[in-house]
């Protein structure tokens, strides 16, 4: 019986305006969907056609509004400047001893700002993937 390691993935890097931002994240989730249509064939069979593949990158992190290297402000600026230009991202997924890095492009969105009382302020943002950019998965094998 083989033993599997737990996959972890809370790191993400966003390239915004030529600068790489690595926010302090609490969670990062990449989800994908396919709009797959089913067609009945004349000969009685069924054919499938994927019309659109879509994905989203959800990030929860520590809010850094007001800092010189603020990812929250960089996302807000990118959204205000041109919300239709996608941003590159990379997300390592660690499964000891190997690492898989997922890369793609997402569109900017202003993170939720605010918080409650004296608690640490977090931000949540879900960035929609650029369907013109296919997700890429690359594996790095670490010798044991």
N, C-alpha and C. Protein backbone atom coordinates (compact mmCIF):
# COMPACT_ATOMS: atom_id res chain seq x y z
N UNK A 1 0.83 -1.16 0.00
CA UNK A 1 0.00 0.00 0.00
C UNK A 1 0.89 1.24 0.00
N UNK A 2 0.56 2.20 -0.89
CA UNK A 2 1.37 3.42 -0.96
C UNK A 2 0.85 4.46 0.02
N UNK A 3 1.74 5.34 0.42
CA UNK A 3 1.38 6.42 1.32
C UNK A 3 1.41 7.71 0.53
N UNK A 4 0.36 8.50 0.63
CA UNK A 4 0.27 9.78 -0.06
C UNK A 4 0.49 10.90 0.93
N UNK A 5 1.20 11.92 0.47
CA UNK A 5 1.39 13.11 1.29
C UNK A 5 0.22 14.06 1.09
N UNK A 6 -0.02 14.89 2.06
CA UNK A 6 -1.09 15.88 1.97
C UNK A 6 -0.64 16.98 1.02
N UNK A 7 -1.52 17.38 0.11
CA UNK A 7 -1.22 18.46 -0.80
C UNK A 7 -1.56 19.77 -0.11
N UNK A 8 -0.61 20.70 -0.11
CA UNK A 8 -0.86 22.01 0.47
C UNK A 8 -0.66 23.07 -0.60
N UNK A 9 -1.36 24.16 -0.49
CA UNK A 9 -1.23 25.23 -1.47
C UNK A 9 -1.80 26.53 -0.96
N UNK A 10 -1.01 27.30 -0.27
CA UNK A 10 -1.48 28.60 0.20
C UNK A 10 -0.64 29.74 -0.33
N UNK A 11 0.28 29.45 -1.23
CA UNK A 11 1.11 30.50 -1.80
C UNK A 11 0.60 30.84 -3.19
N UNK A 12 0.70 32.10 -3.53
CA UNK A 12 0.35 32.54 -4.87
C UNK A 12 1.18 33.78 -5.18
N UNK A 13 1.53 33.93 -6.43
CA UNK A 13 2.23 35.14 -6.89
C UNK A 13 1.41 35.74 -8.02
N UNK A 14 1.16 37.04 -7.95
CA UNK A 14 0.44 37.77 -8.99
C UNK A 14 1.39 38.78 -9.62
N UNK A 15 1.43 38.84 -10.93
CA UNK A 15 2.24 39.85 -11.61
C UNK A 15 1.30 40.95 -12.06
N UNK A 16 1.50 42.13 -11.46
CA UNK A 16 0.63 43.28 -11.73
C UNK A 16 1.52 44.45 -12.14
N UNK A 17 1.33 44.94 -13.35
CA UNK A 17 2.13 46.06 -13.83
C UNK A 17 3.61 45.77 -13.84
N UNK A 18 3.99 44.53 -14.11
CA UNK A 18 5.40 44.16 -14.16
C UNK A 18 6.03 43.84 -12.81
N UNK A 19 5.28 44.01 -11.73
CA UNK A 19 5.78 43.72 -10.39
C UNK A 19 5.14 42.43 -9.88
N UNK A 20 5.96 41.57 -9.26
CA UNK A 20 5.46 40.32 -8.70
C UNK A 20 5.06 40.57 -7.25
N UNK A 21 3.82 40.26 -6.93
CA UNK A 21 3.30 40.40 -5.58
C UNK A 21 3.06 39.01 -4.99
N UNK A 22 3.51 38.80 -3.76
CA UNK A 22 3.28 37.55 -3.05
C UNK A 22 2.57 37.89 -1.74
N UNK A 23 1.24 37.96 -1.78
CA UNK A 23 0.50 38.35 -0.58
C UNK A 23 0.61 37.30 0.52
N UNK A 24 0.39 37.76 1.76
CA UNK A 24 0.33 36.83 2.89
C UNK A 24 -1.04 36.18 2.85
N UNK A 25 -1.07 34.94 2.40
CA UNK A 25 -2.34 34.28 2.18
C UNK A 25 -2.71 33.34 3.31
N UNK A 26 -4.00 33.23 3.53
CA UNK A 26 -4.55 32.26 4.47
C UNK A 26 -5.10 31.07 3.71
N UNK A 27 -5.62 31.31 2.52
CA UNK A 27 -6.06 30.22 1.65
C UNK A 27 -6.06 30.70 0.20
N UNK A 28 -5.78 29.75 -0.69
CA UNK A 28 -5.81 30.00 -2.12
C UNK A 28 -6.48 28.78 -2.75
N UNK A 29 -7.51 29.03 -3.54
CA UNK A 29 -8.24 27.93 -4.17
C UNK A 29 -8.42 28.21 -5.65
N UNK A 30 -8.02 27.24 -6.46
CA UNK A 30 -8.20 27.32 -7.90
C UNK A 30 -9.30 26.32 -8.28
N UNK A 31 -10.36 26.81 -8.91
CA UNK A 31 -11.44 25.93 -9.35
C UNK A 31 -11.62 26.08 -10.84
N UNK A 32 -12.04 25.01 -11.49
CA UNK A 32 -12.28 25.07 -12.93
C UNK A 32 -13.59 24.38 -13.27
N UNK A 33 -14.17 24.79 -14.38
CA UNK A 33 -15.40 24.22 -14.87
C UNK A 33 -15.33 24.11 -16.38
N UNK A 34 -16.17 23.26 -16.94
CA UNK A 34 -16.26 23.13 -18.39
C UNK A 34 -17.73 23.19 -18.79
N UNK A 35 -18.03 24.03 -19.77
CA UNK A 35 -19.37 24.06 -20.35
C UNK A 35 -19.36 23.02 -21.46
N UNK A 36 -19.77 21.81 -21.10
CA UNK A 36 -19.72 20.69 -22.03
C UNK A 36 -21.13 20.39 -22.55
N UNK A 37 -21.29 20.44 -23.86
CA UNK A 37 -22.57 20.17 -24.50
C UNK A 37 -22.62 18.72 -24.98
N UNK A 38 -23.81 18.15 -24.96
CA UNK A 38 -24.03 16.78 -25.40
C UNK A 38 -24.91 16.81 -26.66
N UNK A 39 -24.46 16.10 -27.69
CA UNK A 39 -25.19 16.08 -28.95
C UNK A 39 -25.55 14.64 -29.31
N UNK A 40 -26.80 14.44 -29.73
CA UNK A 40 -27.24 13.13 -30.21
C UNK A 40 -26.83 13.00 -31.66
N UNK A 41 -26.17 11.89 -31.99
CA UNK A 41 -25.73 11.65 -33.36
C UNK A 41 -26.81 10.93 -34.15
N UNK A 42 -26.76 11.06 -35.45
CA UNK A 42 -27.73 10.44 -36.34
C UNK A 42 -27.72 8.92 -36.17
N UNK A 43 -26.54 8.34 -35.93
CA UNK A 43 -26.43 6.89 -35.79
C UNK A 43 -26.82 6.38 -34.40
N UNK A 44 -27.35 7.26 -33.57
CA UNK A 44 -27.80 6.86 -32.25
C UNK A 44 -26.79 7.05 -31.14
N UNK A 45 -25.58 7.45 -31.47
CA UNK A 45 -24.56 7.68 -30.46
C UNK A 45 -24.66 9.08 -29.87
N UNK A 46 -23.73 9.38 -28.99
CA UNK A 46 -23.67 10.69 -28.36
C UNK A 46 -22.28 11.27 -28.55
N UNK A 47 -22.20 12.56 -28.84
CA UNK A 47 -20.92 13.26 -28.95
C UNK A 47 -20.90 14.38 -27.92
N UNK A 48 -19.73 14.69 -27.43
CA UNK A 48 -19.57 15.75 -26.44
C UNK A 48 -18.66 16.83 -27.01
N UNK A 49 -18.98 18.09 -26.72
CA UNK A 49 -18.17 19.21 -27.16
C UNK A 49 -18.07 20.21 -26.02
N UNK A 50 -16.83 20.48 -25.59
CA UNK A 50 -16.62 21.50 -24.57
C UNK A 50 -16.57 22.85 -25.26
N UNK A 51 -17.50 23.71 -24.88
CA UNK A 51 -17.62 25.02 -25.49
C UNK A 51 -16.65 26.01 -24.84
N UNK A 52 -16.68 26.08 -23.51
CA UNK A 52 -15.82 27.02 -22.77
C UNK A 52 -15.27 26.30 -21.54
N UNK A 53 -13.97 26.46 -21.32
CA UNK A 53 -13.34 26.03 -20.07
C UNK A 53 -13.08 27.29 -19.27
N UNK A 54 -13.54 27.32 -18.03
CA UNK A 54 -13.36 28.51 -17.21
C UNK A 54 -12.73 28.13 -15.87
N UNK A 55 -12.11 29.13 -15.22
CA UNK A 55 -11.53 28.90 -13.91
C UNK A 55 -11.55 30.18 -13.10
N UNK A 56 -11.44 30.01 -11.78
CA UNK A 56 -11.39 31.14 -10.85
C UNK A 56 -10.30 30.89 -9.81
N UNK A 57 -9.68 31.95 -9.38
CA UNK A 57 -8.66 31.90 -8.34
C UNK A 57 -9.18 32.71 -7.16
N UNK A 58 -9.50 32.02 -6.06
CA UNK A 58 -10.01 32.67 -4.85
C UNK A 58 -8.87 32.80 -3.85
N UNK A 59 -8.68 34.01 -3.35
CA UNK A 59 -7.58 34.28 -2.41
C UNK A 59 -8.16 34.93 -1.15
N UNK A 60 -7.78 34.40 0.00
CA UNK A 60 -8.04 35.04 1.28
C UNK A 60 -6.68 35.32 1.89
N UNK A 61 -6.46 36.56 2.29
CA UNK A 61 -5.16 36.92 2.83
C UNK A 61 -5.25 38.03 3.84
N UNK A 62 -4.10 38.44 4.34
CA UNK A 62 -4.04 39.55 5.29
C UNK A 62 -4.04 40.85 4.49
N UNK A 63 -5.00 41.71 4.81
CA UNK A 63 -5.13 42.97 4.09
C UNK A 63 -3.90 43.84 4.30
N UNK A 64 -3.42 44.43 3.21
CA UNK A 64 -2.20 45.24 3.29
C UNK A 64 -2.40 46.63 2.71
N UNK A 65 -3.63 47.14 2.77
CA UNK A 65 -3.91 48.49 2.28
C UNK A 65 -2.97 49.47 2.98
N UNK A 66 -2.44 50.42 2.23
CA UNK A 66 -1.60 51.46 2.81
C UNK A 66 -0.12 51.15 2.82
N UNK A 67 0.28 49.92 2.49
CA UNK A 67 1.71 49.57 2.44
C UNK A 67 2.26 49.84 1.05
N UNK A 68 3.56 50.08 0.94
CA UNK A 68 4.16 50.43 -0.34
C UNK A 68 4.09 49.29 -1.35
N UNK A 69 4.05 48.05 -0.89
CA UNK A 69 3.97 46.90 -1.80
C UNK A 69 2.63 46.18 -1.65
N UNK A 70 1.56 46.94 -1.50
CA UNK A 70 0.23 46.41 -1.23
C UNK A 70 -0.37 45.70 -2.45
N UNK A 71 -0.66 44.41 -2.30
CA UNK A 71 -1.33 43.67 -3.37
C UNK A 71 -2.78 44.14 -3.50
N UNK A 72 -3.40 44.52 -2.39
CA UNK A 72 -4.78 45.01 -2.43
C UNK A 72 -4.87 46.28 -3.29
N UNK A 73 -3.94 47.22 -3.07
CA UNK A 73 -3.95 48.45 -3.84
C UNK A 73 -3.53 48.22 -5.28
N UNK A 74 -2.62 47.27 -5.52
CA UNK A 74 -2.21 46.96 -6.90
C UNK A 74 -3.38 46.36 -7.68
N UNK A 75 -4.17 45.48 -7.04
CA UNK A 75 -5.36 44.93 -7.70
C UNK A 75 -6.39 46.02 -7.98
N UNK A 76 -6.57 46.91 -7.02
CA UNK A 76 -7.52 48.01 -7.19
C UNK A 76 -7.06 48.92 -8.32
N UNK A 77 -5.77 49.24 -8.38
CA UNK A 77 -5.23 50.10 -9.44
C UNK A 77 -5.35 49.44 -10.81
N UNK A 78 -5.05 48.13 -10.88
CA UNK A 78 -5.18 47.41 -12.15
C UNK A 78 -6.63 47.38 -12.62
N UNK A 79 -7.56 47.21 -11.69
CA UNK A 79 -8.98 47.20 -12.01
C UNK A 79 -9.42 48.58 -12.51
N UNK A 80 -8.96 49.64 -11.84
CA UNK A 80 -9.32 51.00 -12.24
C UNK A 80 -8.69 51.38 -13.58
N UNK A 81 -7.45 50.94 -13.80
CA UNK A 81 -6.72 51.30 -15.02
C UNK A 81 -7.27 50.57 -16.23
N UNK A 82 -7.36 49.26 -16.16
CA UNK A 82 -7.88 48.47 -17.28
C UNK A 82 -8.33 47.10 -16.79
N UNK A 83 -9.61 46.97 -16.44
CA UNK A 83 -10.11 45.71 -15.88
C UNK A 83 -10.14 44.56 -16.90
N UNK A 84 -9.90 44.86 -18.17
CA UNK A 84 -9.96 43.83 -19.21
C UNK A 84 -8.59 43.31 -19.63
N UNK A 85 -7.55 43.70 -18.90
CA UNK A 85 -6.22 43.17 -19.15
C UNK A 85 -5.92 42.15 -18.05
N UNK A 86 -5.64 40.91 -18.47
CA UNK A 86 -5.42 39.85 -17.48
C UNK A 86 -4.03 39.92 -16.86
N UNK A 87 -3.94 39.41 -15.64
CA UNK A 87 -2.71 39.39 -14.85
C UNK A 87 -2.21 37.96 -14.76
N UNK A 88 -0.91 37.77 -14.80
CA UNK A 88 -0.34 36.42 -14.65
C UNK A 88 -0.34 36.02 -13.18
N UNK A 89 -0.54 34.71 -12.95
CA UNK A 89 -0.40 34.19 -11.59
C UNK A 89 0.33 32.87 -11.65
N UNK A 90 0.96 32.53 -10.52
CA UNK A 90 1.54 31.20 -10.35
C UNK A 90 1.22 30.75 -8.94
N UNK A 91 0.96 29.46 -8.82
CA UNK A 91 0.56 28.89 -7.53
C UNK A 91 1.24 27.55 -7.36
N UNK A 92 2.19 27.46 -6.42
CA UNK A 92 2.81 26.16 -6.17
C UNK A 92 1.91 25.28 -5.31
N UNK A 93 1.83 24.01 -5.68
CA UNK A 93 1.09 23.03 -4.90
C UNK A 93 2.12 22.01 -4.44
N UNK A 94 2.33 21.93 -3.15
CA UNK A 94 3.39 21.09 -2.60
C UNK A 94 2.83 19.74 -2.19
N UNK A 95 3.47 18.69 -2.65
CA UNK A 95 3.16 17.33 -2.26
C UNK A 95 4.51 16.65 -2.09
N UNK A 96 5.05 16.74 -0.88
CA UNK A 96 6.41 16.31 -0.59
C UNK A 96 6.71 14.94 -1.16
N UNK A 97 7.81 14.77 -1.89
CA UNK A 97 8.89 15.72 -2.10
C UNK A 97 8.76 16.52 -3.39
N UNK A 98 7.63 16.46 -4.06
CA UNK A 98 7.49 17.13 -5.35
C UNK A 98 6.67 18.41 -5.25
N UNK A 99 6.82 19.27 -6.25
CA UNK A 99 6.05 20.50 -6.32
C UNK A 99 5.47 20.61 -7.72
N UNK A 100 4.20 20.93 -7.80
CA UNK A 100 3.55 21.24 -9.07
C UNK A 100 3.21 22.72 -9.03
N UNK A 101 3.57 23.44 -10.08
CA UNK A 101 3.25 24.86 -10.15
C UNK A 101 2.21 25.07 -11.23
N UNK A 102 1.12 25.73 -10.87
CA UNK A 102 0.04 26.05 -11.80
C UNK A 102 0.21 27.51 -12.20
N UNK A 103 0.12 27.77 -13.49
CA UNK A 103 0.19 29.16 -13.97
C UNK A 103 -0.99 29.43 -14.88
N UNK A 104 -1.39 30.68 -14.91
CA UNK A 104 -2.49 31.10 -15.76
C UNK A 104 -2.63 32.61 -15.72
N UNK A 105 -3.77 33.09 -16.18
CA UNK A 105 -4.04 34.53 -16.17
C UNK A 105 -5.44 34.77 -15.62
N UNK A 106 -5.56 35.82 -14.83
CA UNK A 106 -6.83 36.20 -14.22
C UNK A 106 -7.05 37.69 -14.40
N UNK A 107 -8.31 38.09 -14.29
CA UNK A 107 -8.63 39.52 -14.42
C UNK A 107 -8.68 40.18 -13.04
N UNK A 108 -8.22 41.44 -12.98
CA UNK A 108 -8.18 42.12 -11.67
C UNK A 108 -9.58 42.44 -11.15
N UNK A 109 -9.65 42.53 -9.83
CA UNK A 109 -10.88 42.88 -9.14
C UNK A 109 -10.47 43.53 -7.83
N UNK A 110 -11.26 44.47 -7.35
CA UNK A 110 -10.95 45.15 -6.10
C UNK A 110 -11.29 44.21 -4.94
N UNK A 111 -10.31 43.93 -4.06
CA UNK A 111 -10.59 43.07 -2.90
C UNK A 111 -11.56 43.75 -1.94
N UNK A 112 -12.30 42.94 -1.21
CA UNK A 112 -13.18 43.45 -0.17
C UNK A 112 -12.32 44.13 0.89
N UNK A 113 -12.70 45.35 1.28
CA UNK A 113 -11.95 46.10 2.30
C UNK A 113 -12.82 46.24 3.53
N UNK A 114 -12.20 46.11 4.69
CA UNK A 114 -12.94 46.29 5.93
C UNK A 114 -12.61 45.20 6.93
N UNK A 115 -13.27 45.25 8.06
CA UNK A 115 -13.03 44.27 9.10
C UNK A 115 -13.88 44.55 10.31
N UNK A 116 -13.70 43.74 11.34
CA UNK A 116 -14.50 43.87 12.55
C UNK A 116 -13.61 44.14 13.75
N UNK A 117 -13.92 45.20 14.47
CA UNK A 117 -13.25 45.50 15.73
C UNK A 117 -11.73 45.48 15.64
N UNK A 118 -11.13 44.84 16.64
CA UNK A 118 -9.67 44.81 16.74
C UNK A 118 -9.06 43.58 16.08
N UNK A 119 -9.86 42.84 15.30
CA UNK A 119 -9.35 41.64 14.64
C UNK A 119 -8.42 42.01 13.48
N UNK A 120 -7.57 41.07 13.14
CA UNK A 120 -6.71 41.26 11.99
C UNK A 120 -7.59 41.36 10.74
N UNK A 121 -7.33 42.37 9.92
CA UNK A 121 -8.14 42.58 8.74
C UNK A 121 -7.68 41.66 7.62
N UNK A 122 -8.64 40.94 7.05
CA UNK A 122 -8.37 40.04 5.93
C UNK A 122 -9.00 40.61 4.67
N UNK A 123 -8.53 40.11 3.53
CA UNK A 123 -9.19 40.43 2.27
C UNK A 123 -9.59 39.13 1.58
N UNK A 124 -10.69 39.21 0.87
CA UNK A 124 -11.17 38.09 0.05
C UNK A 124 -11.37 38.62 -1.35
N UNK A 125 -10.88 37.88 -2.32
CA UNK A 125 -11.10 38.26 -3.71
C UNK A 125 -11.12 36.99 -4.55
N UNK A 126 -12.06 36.95 -5.48
CA UNK A 126 -12.13 35.84 -6.44
C UNK A 126 -11.88 36.43 -7.82
N UNK A 127 -10.78 36.00 -8.43
CA UNK A 127 -10.37 36.53 -9.72
C UNK A 127 -10.77 35.54 -10.81
N UNK A 128 -11.49 36.03 -11.80
CA UNK A 128 -11.97 35.21 -12.90
C UNK A 128 -10.83 34.96 -13.88
N UNK A 129 -10.69 33.71 -14.31
CA UNK A 129 -9.63 33.34 -15.23
C UNK A 129 -9.88 33.82 -16.64
N UNK A 130 -8.81 34.08 -17.37
CA UNK A 130 -8.86 34.47 -18.78
C UNK A 130 -9.02 33.18 -19.59
N UNK A 131 -10.20 32.97 -20.19
CA UNK A 131 -10.46 31.73 -20.91
C UNK A 131 -9.60 31.59 -22.17
N UNK A 132 -8.93 32.66 -22.57
CA UNK A 132 -8.02 32.59 -23.71
C UNK A 132 -6.66 32.03 -23.31
N UNK A 133 -6.44 31.86 -22.02
CA UNK A 133 -5.18 31.35 -21.49
C UNK A 133 -5.44 30.02 -20.80
N UNK A 134 -4.86 28.96 -21.30
CA UNK A 134 -5.03 27.64 -20.71
C UNK A 134 -4.16 27.54 -19.45
N UNK A 135 -4.70 26.91 -18.42
CA UNK A 135 -3.91 26.66 -17.22
C UNK A 135 -2.75 25.73 -17.57
N UNK A 136 -1.58 26.01 -17.02
CA UNK A 136 -0.41 25.17 -17.26
C UNK A 136 0.04 24.56 -15.94
N UNK A 137 0.39 23.28 -15.95
CA UNK A 137 0.84 22.58 -14.78
C UNK A 137 2.25 22.07 -15.06
N UNK A 138 3.20 22.41 -14.20
CA UNK A 138 4.58 21.95 -14.35
C UNK A 138 5.02 21.31 -13.05
N UNK A 139 5.65 20.14 -13.14
CA UNK A 139 6.08 19.41 -11.95
C UNK A 139 7.58 19.52 -11.79
N UNK A 140 7.99 19.76 -10.54
CA UNK A 140 9.40 19.73 -10.16
C UNK A 140 9.59 18.58 -9.19
N UNK A 141 10.46 17.66 -9.55
CA UNK A 141 10.70 16.49 -8.71
C UNK A 141 11.92 16.77 -7.85
N UNK A 142 11.75 16.63 -6.54
CA UNK A 142 12.84 16.83 -5.61
C UNK A 142 13.39 15.46 -5.22
N UNK A 143 14.69 15.23 -5.44
CA UNK A 143 15.24 13.92 -5.09
C UNK A 143 15.10 13.65 -3.59
N UNK A 144 14.81 12.41 -3.27
CA UNK A 144 14.67 12.07 -1.84
C UNK A 144 15.93 11.42 -1.32
